[in-house]
Amino acid sequence: MQDANALTAHLDRLNPCDLVMAESVPAGDGSVGWAVNEAPWGSNIHIVRVKNLRVQSFSMLVLTT
């Protein structure tokens, strides 16, 4: 029960309407980075490769098109 209360308290502090911004943006070393964003219709997955502040490749995996 204690874990459930801690989770509920954490979820109560979340504000899905807040802006989401990275604290820093790395220049990129050419390795692949990815992120998953939850949406009402499912998850969106972003895959990117950045090198020297330039996007080398970008793709998205989405549940609906």
N, C-alpha and C. Protein backbone atom coordinates (compact mmCIF):
# COMPACT_ATOMS: atom_id res chain seq x y z
N MET A 1 0.82 -1.20 0.00
CA MET A 1 0.00 0.00 0.00
C MET A 1 0.86 1.26 0.00
N GLN A 2 2.02 1.20 0.67
CA GLN A 2 2.90 2.35 0.73
C GLN A 2 3.40 2.73 -0.67
N ASP A 3 3.74 1.72 -1.49
CA ASP A 3 4.18 1.99 -2.86
C ASP A 3 3.07 2.65 -3.68
N ALA A 4 1.85 2.20 -3.50
CA ALA A 4 0.72 2.77 -4.22
C ALA A 4 0.51 4.23 -3.81
N ASN A 5 0.67 4.52 -2.54
CA ASN A 5 0.51 5.91 -2.07
C ASN A 5 1.62 6.80 -2.62
N ALA A 6 2.85 6.28 -2.68
CA ALA A 6 3.96 7.06 -3.23
C ALA A 6 3.74 7.34 -4.71
N LEU A 7 3.26 6.34 -5.43
CA LEU A 7 2.99 6.52 -6.86
C LEU A 7 1.87 7.54 -7.06
N THR A 8 0.82 7.44 -6.28
CA THR A 8 -0.28 8.40 -6.39
C THR A 8 0.19 9.81 -6.10
N ALA A 9 1.03 9.98 -5.09
CA ALA A 9 1.56 11.31 -4.77
C ALA A 9 2.41 11.85 -5.91
N HIS A 10 3.21 10.99 -6.51
CA HIS A 10 4.03 11.41 -7.65
C HIS A 10 3.16 11.83 -8.83
N LEU A 11 2.16 11.03 -9.15
CA LEU A 11 1.28 11.34 -10.27
C LEU A 11 0.48 12.62 -10.03
N ASP A 12 0.13 12.88 -8.79
CA ASP A 12 -0.60 14.11 -8.47
C ASP A 12 0.24 15.36 -8.74
N ARG A 13 1.58 15.24 -8.65
CA ARG A 13 2.46 16.38 -8.89
C ARG A 13 2.70 16.64 -10.37
N LEU A 14 2.41 15.68 -11.22
CA LEU A 14 2.66 15.85 -12.65
C LEU A 14 1.63 16.78 -13.27
N ASN A 15 2.09 17.59 -14.21
CA ASN A 15 1.19 18.48 -14.93
C ASN A 15 1.43 18.25 -16.42
N PRO A 16 0.58 17.48 -17.09
CA PRO A 16 0.79 17.18 -18.50
C PRO A 16 0.64 18.40 -19.42
N CYS A 17 0.17 19.52 -18.86
CA CYS A 17 0.02 20.74 -19.66
C CYS A 17 1.27 21.62 -19.62
N ASP A 18 2.25 21.26 -18.77
CA ASP A 18 3.50 22.03 -18.69
C ASP A 18 4.30 21.90 -19.98
N LEU A 19 5.15 22.90 -20.22
CA LEU A 19 6.08 22.81 -21.34
C LEU A 19 7.13 21.76 -21.04
N VAL A 20 7.57 21.09 -22.08
CA VAL A 20 8.63 20.10 -21.94
C VAL A 20 9.83 20.60 -22.73
N MET A 21 10.92 20.85 -22.03
CA MET A 21 12.12 21.35 -22.69
C MET A 21 13.33 20.66 -22.10
N ALA A 22 14.31 20.40 -22.95
CA ALA A 22 15.56 19.83 -22.48
C ALA A 22 16.36 20.90 -21.75
N GLU A 23 17.10 20.49 -20.72
CA GLU A 23 17.94 21.44 -20.00
C GLU A 23 19.14 21.86 -20.84
N SER A 24 19.59 20.97 -21.70
CA SER A 24 20.69 21.29 -22.60
C SER A 24 20.52 20.49 -23.88
N VAL A 25 21.07 20.98 -24.95
CA VAL A 25 21.02 20.28 -26.23
C VAL A 25 22.45 19.95 -26.63
N PRO A 26 22.80 18.65 -26.63
CA PRO A 26 24.17 18.29 -26.98
C PRO A 26 24.45 18.49 -28.47
N ALA A 27 25.70 18.75 -28.80
CA ALA A 27 26.09 18.96 -30.20
C ALA A 27 25.91 17.68 -31.01
N GLY A 28 26.03 16.55 -30.38
CA GLY A 28 25.86 15.27 -31.07
C GLY A 28 27.19 14.72 -31.56
N ASP A 29 27.34 13.42 -31.38
CA ASP A 29 28.57 12.75 -31.82
C ASP A 29 28.30 11.75 -32.94
N GLY A 30 27.10 11.79 -33.50
CA GLY A 30 26.75 10.87 -34.58
C GLY A 30 26.06 9.61 -34.11
N SER A 31 25.93 9.42 -32.80
CA SER A 31 25.23 8.24 -32.31
C SER A 31 23.71 8.46 -32.39
N VAL A 32 22.97 7.38 -32.29
CA VAL A 32 21.52 7.43 -32.41
C VAL A 32 20.90 7.77 -31.05
N GLY A 33 19.94 8.69 -31.07
CA GLY A 33 19.17 9.01 -29.88
C GLY A 33 17.70 8.76 -30.16
N TRP A 34 16.93 8.54 -29.13
CA TRP A 34 15.51 8.26 -29.31
C TRP A 34 14.72 8.79 -28.12
N ALA A 35 13.43 8.98 -28.35
CA ALA A 35 12.51 9.40 -27.30
C ALA A 35 11.14 8.80 -27.57
N VAL A 36 10.40 8.55 -26.53
CA VAL A 36 9.04 8.03 -26.65
C VAL A 36 8.10 9.02 -25.97
N ASN A 37 7.07 9.42 -26.68
CA ASN A 37 6.06 10.33 -26.14
C ASN A 37 4.73 9.61 -26.12
N GLU A 38 4.05 9.66 -24.99
CA GLU A 38 2.73 9.06 -24.88
C GLU A 38 1.68 10.04 -25.37
N ALA A 39 0.73 9.54 -26.12
CA ALA A 39 -0.38 10.34 -26.62
C ALA A 39 -1.67 9.53 -26.40
N PRO A 40 -2.81 10.18 -26.48
CA PRO A 40 -4.07 9.45 -26.26
C PRO A 40 -4.26 8.26 -27.21
N TRP A 41 -3.68 8.32 -28.39
CA TRP A 41 -3.86 7.26 -29.38
C TRP A 41 -2.74 6.23 -29.35
N GLY A 42 -1.75 6.39 -28.48
CA GLY A 42 -0.64 5.44 -28.36
C GLY A 42 0.68 6.16 -28.21
N SER A 43 1.75 5.44 -28.41
CA SER A 43 3.09 5.99 -28.25
C SER A 43 3.66 6.46 -29.59
N ASN A 44 4.36 7.57 -29.57
CA ASN A 44 5.12 8.05 -30.73
C ASN A 44 6.59 7.90 -30.39
N ILE A 45 7.35 7.30 -31.28
CA ILE A 45 8.77 7.09 -31.06
C ILE A 45 9.54 7.91 -32.09
N HIS A 46 10.48 8.72 -31.61
CA HIS A 46 11.31 9.56 -32.46
C HIS A 46 12.74 9.02 -32.41
N ILE A 47 13.35 8.84 -33.55
CA ILE A 47 14.72 8.34 -33.63
C ILE A 47 15.52 9.35 -34.44
N VAL A 48 16.65 9.80 -33.87
CA VAL A 48 17.42 10.86 -34.52
C VAL A 48 18.91 10.59 -34.39
N ARG A 49 19.65 11.02 -35.38
CA ARG A 49 21.12 10.99 -35.34
C ARG A 49 21.59 12.40 -35.62
N VAL A 50 22.36 12.98 -34.66
CA VAL A 50 22.85 14.35 -34.77
C VAL A 50 24.37 14.33 -34.65
N LYS A 51 25.01 15.11 -35.51
CA LYS A 51 26.47 15.25 -35.44
C LYS A 51 26.82 16.71 -35.71
N ASN A 52 27.60 17.30 -34.80
CA ASN A 52 28.02 18.70 -34.91
C ASN A 52 26.84 19.64 -35.13
N LEU A 53 25.81 19.48 -34.33
CA LEU A 53 24.61 20.31 -34.35
C LEU A 53 23.78 20.18 -35.63
N ARG A 54 24.05 19.19 -36.45
CA ARG A 54 23.28 18.97 -37.69
C ARG A 54 22.58 17.61 -37.63
N VAL A 55 21.32 17.61 -38.00
CA VAL A 55 20.55 16.37 -38.02
C VAL A 55 21.01 15.53 -39.22
N GLN A 56 21.51 14.34 -38.94
CA GLN A 56 21.95 13.43 -39.98
C GLN A 56 20.79 12.57 -40.49
N SER A 57 19.92 12.16 -39.56
CA SER A 57 18.74 11.39 -39.94
C SER A 57 17.68 11.55 -38.85
N PHE A 58 16.42 11.40 -39.26
CA PHE A 58 15.30 11.53 -38.33
C PHE A 58 14.18 10.64 -38.83
N SER A 59 13.58 9.89 -37.94
CA SER A 59 12.41 9.09 -38.31
C SER A 59 11.49 8.99 -37.12
N MET A 60 10.24 8.69 -37.41
CA MET A 60 9.22 8.53 -36.38
C MET A 60 8.51 7.22 -36.60
N LEU A 61 8.20 6.54 -35.49
CA LEU A 61 7.35 5.37 -35.52
C LEU A 61 6.07 5.75 -34.79
N VAL A 62 4.96 5.73 -35.50
CA VAL A 62 3.69 6.13 -34.91
C VAL A 62 2.68 5.01 -35.11
N LEU A 63 1.70 4.95 -34.22
CA LEU A 63 0.71 3.89 -34.30
C LEU A 63 -0.34 4.16 -35.37
N THR A 64 -0.59 5.44 -35.64
CA THR A 64 -1.57 5.78 -36.66
C THR A 64 -0.93 6.70 -37.69
N THR A 65 -1.42 6.68 -38.90
CA THR A 65 -0.89 7.58 -39.93
C THR A 65 -2.04 8.29 -40.62
